[in-house]
Structures are given as structure tokens and as C-alpha cells.
Amino acid sequence: LSLGNTLGEVAREMGLSVNTVKTHVKNVYARL
């Protein structure tokens, strides 16, 4: 995400669903 990728791009690159990426982002926000 810091490189400017969208949630969809991150999901495709990592082989995840967009919802899974959103969950990871939500967890990052909470932890930080």
C-alpha cells in the first residue's frame, strides 16, 4: 500500500481476496 497499490492490486499480487486485504489493513490501523 505504501507503494501506491490499491486494495485490489494488493489482493491480486498476494493471491488474497479484497476482503482479506481489508481485514489486514483494519488490523494494521488498530495495532498502530
PDB file of all heavy atoms in Angstrom:
ATOM      1  N   LEU A   1       0.828  -1.208   0.000  1.00  0.00           N
ATOM      2  CA  LEU A   1       0.000   0.000   0.000  1.00  0.00           C
ATOM      3  C   LEU A   1       0.860   1.254   0.000  1.00  0.00           C
ATOM      4  O   LEU A   1       0.513   2.258  -0.624  1.00  0.00           O
ATOM      5  CB  LEU A   1      -0.946  -0.002   1.201  1.00  0.00           C
ATOM      6  CG  LEU A   1      -2.077  -1.023   1.166  1.00  0.00           C
ATOM      7  CD1 LEU A   1      -2.839  -1.003   2.477  1.00  0.00           C
ATOM      8  CD2 LEU A   1      -3.007  -0.786  -0.011  1.00  0.00           C
ATOM      9  N   SER A   2       2.009   1.200   0.685  1.00  0.00           N
ATOM     10  CA  SER A   2       2.890   2.363   0.750  1.00  0.00           C
ATOM     11  C   SER A   2       3.482   2.697  -0.616  1.00  0.00           C
ATOM     12  O   SER A   2       3.913   3.820  -0.858  1.00  0.00           O
ATOM     13  CB  SER A   2       4.014   2.150   1.771  1.00  0.00           C
ATOM     14  OG  SER A   2       4.995   1.259   1.268  1.00  0.00           O
ATOM     15  N   LEU A   3       3.491   1.711  -1.515  1.00  0.00           N
ATOM     16  CA  LEU A   3       3.993   1.919  -2.876  1.00  0.00           C
ATOM     17  C   LEU A   3       2.912   2.442  -3.813  1.00  0.00           C
ATOM     18  O   LEU A   3       3.149   2.635  -4.996  1.00  0.00           O
ATOM     19  CB  LEU A   3       4.582   0.610  -3.419  1.00  0.00           C
ATOM     20  CG  LEU A   3       5.800   0.101  -2.658  1.00  0.00           C
ATOM     21  CD1 LEU A   3       6.178  -1.289  -3.141  1.00  0.00           C
ATOM     22  CD2 LEU A   3       6.966   1.064  -2.809  1.00  0.00           C
ATOM     23  N   GLY A   4       1.713   2.659  -3.269  1.00  0.00           N
ATOM     24  CA  GLY A   4       0.629   3.234  -4.051  1.00  0.00           C
ATOM     25  C   GLY A   4      -0.322   2.222  -4.658  1.00  0.00           C
ATOM     26  O   GLY A   4      -1.184   2.588  -5.446  1.00  0.00           O
ATOM     27  N   ASN A   5      -0.174   0.966  -4.316  1.00  0.00           N
ATOM     28  CA  ASN A   5      -1.080  -0.058  -4.837  1.00  0.00           C
ATOM     29  C   ASN A   5      -2.463   0.078  -4.221  1.00  0.00           C
ATOM     30  O   ASN A   5      -2.595   0.458  -3.061  1.00  0.00           O
ATOM     31  CB  ASN A   5      -0.540  -1.463  -4.546  1.00  0.00           C
ATOM     32  CG  ASN A   5       0.731  -1.764  -5.301  1.00  0.00           C
ATOM     33  OD1 ASN A   5       0.893  -1.356  -6.448  1.00  0.00           O
ATOM     34  ND2 ASN A   5       1.637  -2.461  -4.666  1.00  0.00           N
ATOM     35  N   THR A   6      -3.486  -0.254  -4.991  1.00  0.00           N
ATOM     36  CA  THR A   6      -4.847  -0.259  -4.475  1.00  0.00           C
ATOM     37  C   THR A   6      -5.086  -1.557  -3.719  1.00  0.00           C
ATOM     38  O   THR A   6      -4.290  -2.497  -3.817  1.00  0.00           O
ATOM     39  CB  THR A   6      -5.876  -0.158  -5.617  1.00  0.00           C
ATOM     40  OG1 THR A   6      -5.776  -1.344  -6.421  1.00  0.00           O
ATOM     41  CG2 THR A   6      -5.650   1.085  -6.469  1.00  0.00           C
ATOM     42  N   LEU A   7      -6.200  -1.633  -3.006  1.00  0.00           N
ATOM     43  CA  LEU A   7      -6.546  -2.863  -2.302  1.00  0.00           C
ATOM     44  C   LEU A   7      -6.672  -4.024  -3.286  1.00  0.00           C
ATOM     45  O   LEU A   7      -6.226  -5.135  -3.007  1.00  0.00           O
ATOM     46  CB  LEU A   7      -7.842  -2.689  -1.512  1.00  0.00           C
ATOM     47  CG  LEU A   7      -7.809  -1.699  -0.353  1.00  0.00           C
ATOM     48  CD1 LEU A   7      -9.204  -1.540   0.233  1.00  0.00           C
ATOM     49  CD2 LEU A   7      -6.829  -2.134   0.710  1.00  0.00           C
ATOM     50  N   GLY A   8      -7.274  -3.769  -4.433  1.00  0.00           N
ATOM     51  CA  GLY A   8      -7.435  -4.804  -5.445  1.00  0.00           C
ATOM     52  C   GLY A   8      -6.102  -5.289  -5.989  1.00  0.00           C
ATOM     53  O   GLY A   8      -5.904  -6.491  -6.202  1.00  0.00           O
ATOM     54  N   GLU A   9      -5.187  -4.363  -6.228  1.00  0.00           N
ATOM     55  CA  GLU A   9      -3.860  -4.746  -6.722  1.00  0.00           C
ATOM     56  C   GLU A   9      -3.109  -5.579  -5.687  1.00  0.00           C
ATOM     57  O   GLU A   9      -2.466  -6.574  -6.027  1.00  0.00           O
ATOM     58  CB  GLU A   9      -3.054  -3.499  -7.091  1.00  0.00           C
ATOM     59  CG  GLU A   9      -3.581  -2.775  -8.310  1.00  0.00           C
ATOM     60  CD  GLU A   9      -2.977  -1.396  -8.510  1.00  0.00           C
ATOM     61  OE1 GLU A   9      -2.425  -0.819  -7.543  1.00  0.00           O
ATOM     62  OE2 GLU A   9      -3.071  -0.894  -9.638  1.00  0.00           O
ATOM     63  N   VAL A  10      -3.193  -5.155  -4.430  1.00  0.00           N
ATOM     64  CA  VAL A  10      -2.538  -5.907  -3.356  1.00  0.00           C
ATOM     65  C   VAL A  10      -3.131  -7.311  -3.284  1.00  0.00           C
ATOM     66  O   VAL A  10      -2.398  -8.303  -3.181  1.00  0.00           O
ATOM     67  CB  VAL A  10      -2.668  -5.183  -2.001  1.00  0.00           C
ATOM     68  CG1 VAL A  10      -2.168  -6.061  -0.870  1.00  0.00           C
ATOM     69  CG2 VAL A  10      -1.910  -3.859  -2.026  1.00  0.00           C
ATOM     70  N   ALA A  11      -4.448  -7.405  -3.367  1.00  0.00           N
ATOM     71  CA  ALA A  11      -5.116  -8.703  -3.299  1.00  0.00           C
ATOM     72  C   ALA A  11      -4.648  -9.615  -4.434  1.00  0.00           C
ATOM     73  O   ALA A  11      -4.302 -10.781  -4.202  1.00  0.00           O
ATOM     74  CB  ALA A  11      -6.633  -8.515  -3.355  1.00  0.00           C
ATOM     75  N   ARG A  12      -4.598  -9.077  -5.656  1.00  0.00           N
ATOM     76  CA  ARG A  12      -4.159  -9.896  -6.796  1.00  0.00           C
ATOM     77  C   ARG A  12      -2.707 -10.323  -6.640  1.00  0.00           C
ATOM     78  O   ARG A  12      -2.369 -11.489  -6.868  1.00  0.00           O
ATOM     79  CB  ARG A  12      -4.333  -9.112  -8.102  1.00  0.00           C
ATOM     80  CG  ARG A  12      -5.735  -9.167  -8.658  1.00  0.00           C
ATOM     81  CD  ARG A  12      -5.821  -8.580 -10.045  1.00  0.00           C
ATOM     82  NE  ARG A  12      -5.466  -7.169 -10.112  1.00  0.00           N
ATOM     83  CZ  ARG A  12      -6.270  -6.162  -9.782  1.00  0.00           C
ATOM     84  NH1 ARG A  12      -7.492  -6.425  -9.350  1.00  0.00           N
ATOM     85  NH2 ARG A  12      -5.879  -4.920  -9.882  1.00  0.00           N
ATOM     86  N   GLU A  13      -1.831  -9.398  -6.246  1.00  0.00           N
ATOM     87  CA  GLU A  13      -0.408  -9.707  -6.098  1.00  0.00           C
ATOM     88  C   GLU A  13      -0.160 -10.772  -5.037  1.00  0.00           C
ATOM     89  O   GLU A  13       0.748 -11.582  -5.159  1.00  0.00           O
ATOM     90  CB  GLU A  13       0.375  -8.446  -5.730  1.00  0.00           C
ATOM     91  CG  GLU A  13       0.482  -7.438  -6.841  1.00  0.00           C
ATOM     92  CD  GLU A  13       1.128  -6.135  -6.394  1.00  0.00           C
ATOM     93  OE1 GLU A  13       1.600  -6.042  -5.248  1.00  0.00           O
ATOM     94  OE2 GLU A  13       1.159  -5.195  -7.210  1.00  0.00           O
ATOM     95  N   MET A  14      -0.962 -10.742  -3.977  1.00  0.00           N
ATOM     96  CA  MET A  14      -0.749 -11.659  -2.862  1.00  0.00           C
ATOM     97  C   MET A  14      -1.622 -12.910  -2.937  1.00  0.00           C
ATOM     98  O   MET A  14      -1.509 -13.791  -2.086  1.00  0.00           O
ATOM     99  CB  MET A  14      -0.991 -10.918  -1.540  1.00  0.00           C
ATOM    100  CG  MET A  14      -0.011  -9.784  -1.307  1.00  0.00           C
ATOM    101  SD  MET A  14      -0.290  -8.910   0.257  1.00  0.00           S
ATOM    102  CE  MET A  14       0.233 -10.165   1.430  1.00  0.00           C
ATOM    103  N   GLY A  15      -2.505 -12.978  -3.929  1.00  0.00           N
ATOM    104  CA  GLY A  15      -3.383 -14.132  -4.057  1.00  0.00           C
ATOM    105  C   GLY A  15      -4.440 -14.200  -2.960  1.00  0.00           C
ATOM    106  O   GLY A  15      -4.803 -15.288  -2.502  1.00  0.00           O
ATOM    107  N   LEU A  16      -4.917 -13.024  -2.541  1.00  0.00           N
ATOM    108  CA  LEU A  16      -5.915 -12.926  -1.478  1.00  0.00           C
ATOM    109  C   LEU A  16      -7.176 -12.276  -2.018  1.00  0.00           C
ATOM    110  O   LEU A  16      -7.167 -11.655  -3.081  1.00  0.00           O
ATOM    111  CB  LEU A  16      -5.377 -12.072  -0.323  1.00  0.00           C
ATOM    112  CG  LEU A  16      -4.065 -12.493   0.323  1.00  0.00           C
ATOM    113  CD1 LEU A  16      -3.588 -11.420   1.282  1.00  0.00           C
ATOM    114  CD2 LEU A  16      -4.241 -13.819   1.036  1.00  0.00           C
ATOM    115  N   SER A  17      -8.256 -12.365  -1.271  1.00  0.00           N
ATOM    116  CA  SER A  17      -9.458 -11.621  -1.628  1.00  0.00           C
ATOM    117  C   SER A  17      -9.302 -10.182  -1.145  1.00  0.00           C
ATOM    118  O   SER A  17      -8.521  -9.896  -0.234  1.00  0.00           O
ATOM    119  CB  SER A  17     -10.700 -12.256  -0.996  1.00  0.00           C
ATOM    120  OG  SER A  17     -10.747 -11.969   0.391  1.00  0.00           O
ATOM    121  N   VAL A  18     -10.058  -9.296  -1.763  1.00  0.00           N
ATOM    122  CA  VAL A  18     -10.023  -7.895  -1.345  1.00  0.00           C
ATOM    123  C   VAL A  18     -10.477  -7.778   0.110  1.00  0.00           C
ATOM    124  O   VAL A  18      -9.911  -6.989   0.878  1.00  0.00           O
ATOM    125  CB  VAL A  18     -10.894  -7.017  -2.275  1.00  0.00           C
ATOM    126  CG1 VAL A  18     -10.998  -5.593  -1.750  1.00  0.00           C
ATOM    127  CG2 VAL A  18     -10.319  -7.010  -3.690  1.00  0.00           C
ATOM    128  N   ASN A  19     -11.464  -8.578   0.502  1.00  0.00           N
ATOM    129  CA  ASN A  19     -11.937  -8.524   1.893  1.00  0.00           C
ATOM    130  C   ASN A  19     -10.853  -8.942   2.876  1.00  0.00           C
ATOM    131  O   ASN A  19     -10.756  -8.381   3.968  1.00  0.00           O
ATOM    132  CB  ASN A  19     -13.189  -9.381   2.076  1.00  0.00           C
ATOM    133  CG  ASN A  19     -14.417  -8.705   1.503  1.00  0.00           C
ATOM    134  OD1 ASN A  19     -14.476  -7.491   1.420  1.00  0.00           O
ATOM    135  ND2 ASN A  19     -15.384  -9.494   1.092  1.00  0.00           N
ATOM    136  N   THR A  20     -10.029  -9.904   2.511  1.00  0.00           N
ATOM    137  CA  THR A  20      -8.928 -10.316   3.385  1.00  0.00           C
ATOM    138  C   THR A  20      -7.919  -9.183   3.523  1.00  0.00           C
ATOM    139  O   THR A  20      -7.437  -8.905   4.623  1.00  0.00           O
ATOM    140  CB  THR A  20      -8.251 -11.588   2.841  1.00  0.00           C
ATOM    141  OG1 THR A  20      -9.222 -12.632   2.801  1.00  0.00           O
ATOM    142  CG2 THR A  20      -7.080 -12.007   3.712  1.00  0.00           C
ATOM    143  N   VAL A  21      -7.619  -8.510   2.419  1.00  0.00           N
ATOM    144  CA  VAL A  21      -6.691  -7.367   2.467  1.00  0.00           C
ATOM    145  C   VAL A  21      -7.283  -6.269   3.344  1.00  0.00           C
ATOM    146  O   VAL A  21      -6.581  -5.670   4.162  1.00  0.00           O
ATOM    147  CB  VAL A  21      -6.367  -6.849   1.048  1.00  0.00           C
ATOM    148  CG1 VAL A  21      -5.555  -5.565   1.111  1.00  0.00           C
ATOM    149  CG2 VAL A  21      -5.627  -7.908   0.251  1.00  0.00           C
ATOM    150  N   LYS A  22      -8.579  -6.014   3.208  1.00  0.00           N
ATOM    151  CA  LYS A  22      -9.239  -5.002   4.047  1.00  0.00           C
ATOM    152  C   LYS A  22      -9.113  -5.356   5.524  1.00  0.00           C
ATOM    153  O   LYS A  22      -8.891  -4.474   6.366  1.00  0.00           O
ATOM    154  CB  LYS A  22     -10.719  -4.869   3.678  1.00  0.00           C
ATOM    155  CG  LYS A  22     -10.975  -4.162   2.384  1.00  0.00           C
ATOM    156  CD  LYS A  22     -12.471  -4.103   2.105  1.00  0.00           C
ATOM    157  CE  LYS A  22     -12.779  -3.449   0.786  1.00  0.00           C
ATOM    158  NZ  LYS A  22     -14.228  -3.411   0.505  1.00  0.00           N
ATOM    159  N   THR A  23      -9.250  -6.638   5.843  1.00  0.00           N
ATOM    160  CA  THR A  23      -9.106  -7.080   7.236  1.00  0.00           C
ATOM    161  C   THR A  23      -7.695  -6.831   7.731  1.00  0.00           C
ATOM    162  O   THR A  23      -7.495  -6.349   8.849  1.00  0.00           O
ATOM    163  CB  THR A  23      -9.473  -8.571   7.369  1.00  0.00           C
ATOM    164  OG1 THR A  23     -10.841  -8.735   6.988  1.00  0.00           O
ATOM    165  CG2 THR A  23      -9.266  -9.066   8.791  1.00  0.00           C
ATOM    166  N   HIS A  24      -6.693  -7.125   6.900  1.00  0.00           N
ATOM    167  CA  HIS A  24      -5.311  -6.864   7.291  1.00  0.00           C
ATOM    168  C   HIS A  24      -5.087  -5.368   7.523  1.00  0.00           C
ATOM    169  O   HIS A  24      -4.442  -4.972   8.494  1.00  0.00           O
ATOM    170  CB  HIS A  24      -4.328  -7.382   6.245  1.00  0.00           C
ATOM    171  CG  HIS A  24      -4.202  -8.866   6.212  1.00  0.00           C
ATOM    172  ND1 HIS A  24      -3.925  -9.627   7.329  1.00  0.00           N
ATOM    173  CD2 HIS A  24      -4.311  -9.745   5.186  1.00  0.00           C
ATOM    174  CE1 HIS A  24      -3.867 -10.899   6.990  1.00  0.00           C
ATOM    175  NE2 HIS A  24      -4.112 -11.002   5.695  1.00  0.00           N
ATOM    176  N   VAL A  25      -5.641  -4.543   6.648  1.00  0.00           N
ATOM    177  CA  VAL A  25      -5.497  -3.083   6.791  1.00  0.00           C
ATOM    178  C   VAL A  25      -6.168  -2.623   8.083  1.00  0.00           C
ATOM    179  O   VAL A  25      -5.602  -1.816   8.834  1.00  0.00           O
ATOM    180  CB  VAL A  25      -6.074  -2.347   5.562  1.00  0.00           C
ATOM    181  CG1 VAL A  25      -6.120  -0.843   5.794  1.00  0.00           C
ATOM    182  CG2 VAL A  25      -5.245  -2.668   4.319  1.00  0.00           C
ATOM    183  N   LYS A  26      -7.349  -3.137   8.360  1.00  0.00           N
ATOM    184  CA  LYS A  26      -8.062  -2.788   9.595  1.00  0.00           C
ATOM    185  C   LYS A  26      -7.223  -3.158  10.824  1.00  0.00           C
ATOM    186  O   LYS A  26      -7.108  -2.379  11.775  1.00  0.00           O
ATOM    187  CB  LYS A  26      -9.412  -3.511   9.628  1.00  0.00           C
ATOM    188  CG  LYS A  26     -10.258  -3.231  10.837  1.00  0.00           C
ATOM    189  CD  LYS A  26     -11.594  -3.944  10.705  1.00  0.00           C
ATOM    190  CE  LYS A  26     -11.747  -4.862  11.876  1.00  0.00           C
ATOM    191  NZ  LYS A  26     -12.966  -5.649  11.854  1.00  0.00           N
ATOM    192  N   ASN A  27      -6.602  -4.343  10.784  1.00  0.00           N
ATOM    193  CA  ASN A  27      -5.749  -4.776  11.891  1.00  0.00           C
ATOM    194  C   ASN A  27      -4.508  -3.899  12.033  1.00  0.00           C
ATOM    195  O   ASN A  27      -4.084  -3.586  13.148  1.00  0.00           O
ATOM    196  CB  ASN A  27      -5.350  -6.239  11.716  1.00  0.00           C
ATOM    197  CG  ASN A  27      -6.529  -7.183  11.854  1.00  0.00           C
ATOM    198  OD1 ASN A  27      -7.545  -6.845  12.458  1.00  0.00           O
ATOM    199  ND2 ASN A  27      -6.401  -8.353  11.273  1.00  0.00           N
ATOM    200  N   VAL A  28      -3.931  -3.486  10.903  1.00  0.00           N
ATOM    201  CA  VAL A  28      -2.779  -2.582  10.928  1.00  0.00           C
ATOM    202  C   VAL A  28      -3.170  -1.269  11.602  1.00  0.00           C
ATOM    203  O   VAL A  28      -2.459  -0.768  12.475  1.00  0.00           O
ATOM    204  CB  VAL A  28      -2.232  -2.321   9.509  1.00  0.00           C
ATOM    205  CG1 VAL A  28      -1.257  -1.152   9.494  1.00  0.00           C
ATOM    206  CG2 VAL A  28      -1.568  -3.563   8.953  1.00  0.00           C
ATOM    207  N   TYR A  29      -4.308  -0.709  11.195  1.00  0.00           N
ATOM    208  CA  TYR A  29      -4.772   0.541  11.799  1.00  0.00           C
ATOM    209  C   TYR A  29      -4.920   0.395  13.309  1.00  0.00           C
ATOM    210  O   TYR A  29      -4.510   1.276  14.067  1.00  0.00           O
ATOM    211  CB  TYR A  29      -6.123   0.965  11.219  1.00  0.00           C
ATOM    212  CG  TYR A  29      -6.110   1.491   9.804  1.00  0.00           C
ATOM    213  CD1 TYR A  29      -4.964   1.495   9.014  1.00  0.00           C
ATOM    214  CD2 TYR A  29      -7.270   1.989   9.238  1.00  0.00           C
ATOM    215  CE1 TYR A  29      -4.989   1.977   7.724  1.00  0.00           C
ATOM    216  CE2 TYR A  29      -7.302   2.480   7.944  1.00  0.00           C
ATOM    217  CZ  TYR A  29      -6.161   2.471   7.190  1.00  0.00           C
ATOM    218  OH  TYR A  29      -6.189   2.959   5.917  1.00  0.00           O
ATOM    219  N   ALA A  30      -5.506  -0.709  13.736  1.00  0.00           N
ATOM    220  CA  ALA A  30      -5.721  -0.922  15.165  1.00  0.00           C
ATOM    221  C   ALA A  30      -4.393  -1.074  15.908  1.00  0.00           C
ATOM    222  O   ALA A  30      -4.199  -0.482  16.976  1.00  0.00           O
ATOM    223  CB  ALA A  30      -6.597  -2.153  15.391  1.00  0.00           C
ATOM    224  N   ARG A  31      -3.480  -1.853  15.356  1.00  0.00           N
ATOM    225  CA  ARG A  31      -2.196  -2.080  16.020  1.00  0.00           C
ATOM    226  C   ARG A  31      -1.356  -0.805  16.104  1.00  0.00           C
ATOM    227  O   ARG A  31      -0.637  -0.590  17.078  1.00  0.00           O
ATOM    228  CB  ARG A  31      -1.394  -3.152  15.296  1.00  0.00           C
ATOM    229  CG  ARG A  31      -1.951  -4.540  15.455  1.00  0.00           C
ATOM    230  CD  ARG A  31      -1.107  -5.522  14.653  1.00  0.00           C
ATOM    231  NE  ARG A  31      -1.715  -6.815  14.554  1.00  0.00           N
ATOM    232  CZ  ARG A  31      -1.434  -7.820  15.363  1.00  0.00           C
ATOM    233  NH1 ARG A  31      -0.565  -7.675  16.322  1.00  0.00           N
ATOM    234  NH2 ARG A  31      -2.027  -8.979  15.195  1.00  0.00           N
ATOM    235  N   LEU A  32      -1.443   0.031  15.062  1.00  0.00           N
ATOM    236  CA  LEU A  32      -0.650   1.269  15.036  1.00  0.00           C
ATOM    237  C   LEU A  32      -1.419   2.466  15.593  1.00  0.00           C
ATOM    238  O   LEU A  32      -0.872   3.562  15.687  1.00  0.00           O
ATOM    239  CB  LEU A  32      -0.182   1.569  13.604  1.00  0.00           C
ATOM    240  CG  LEU A  32       0.719   0.513  12.966  1.00  0.00           C
ATOM    241  CD1 LEU A  32       1.086   0.935  11.542  1.00  0.00           C
ATOM    242  CD2 LEU A  32       1.967   0.275  13.797  1.00  0.00           C
TER     243      LEU A  32
END
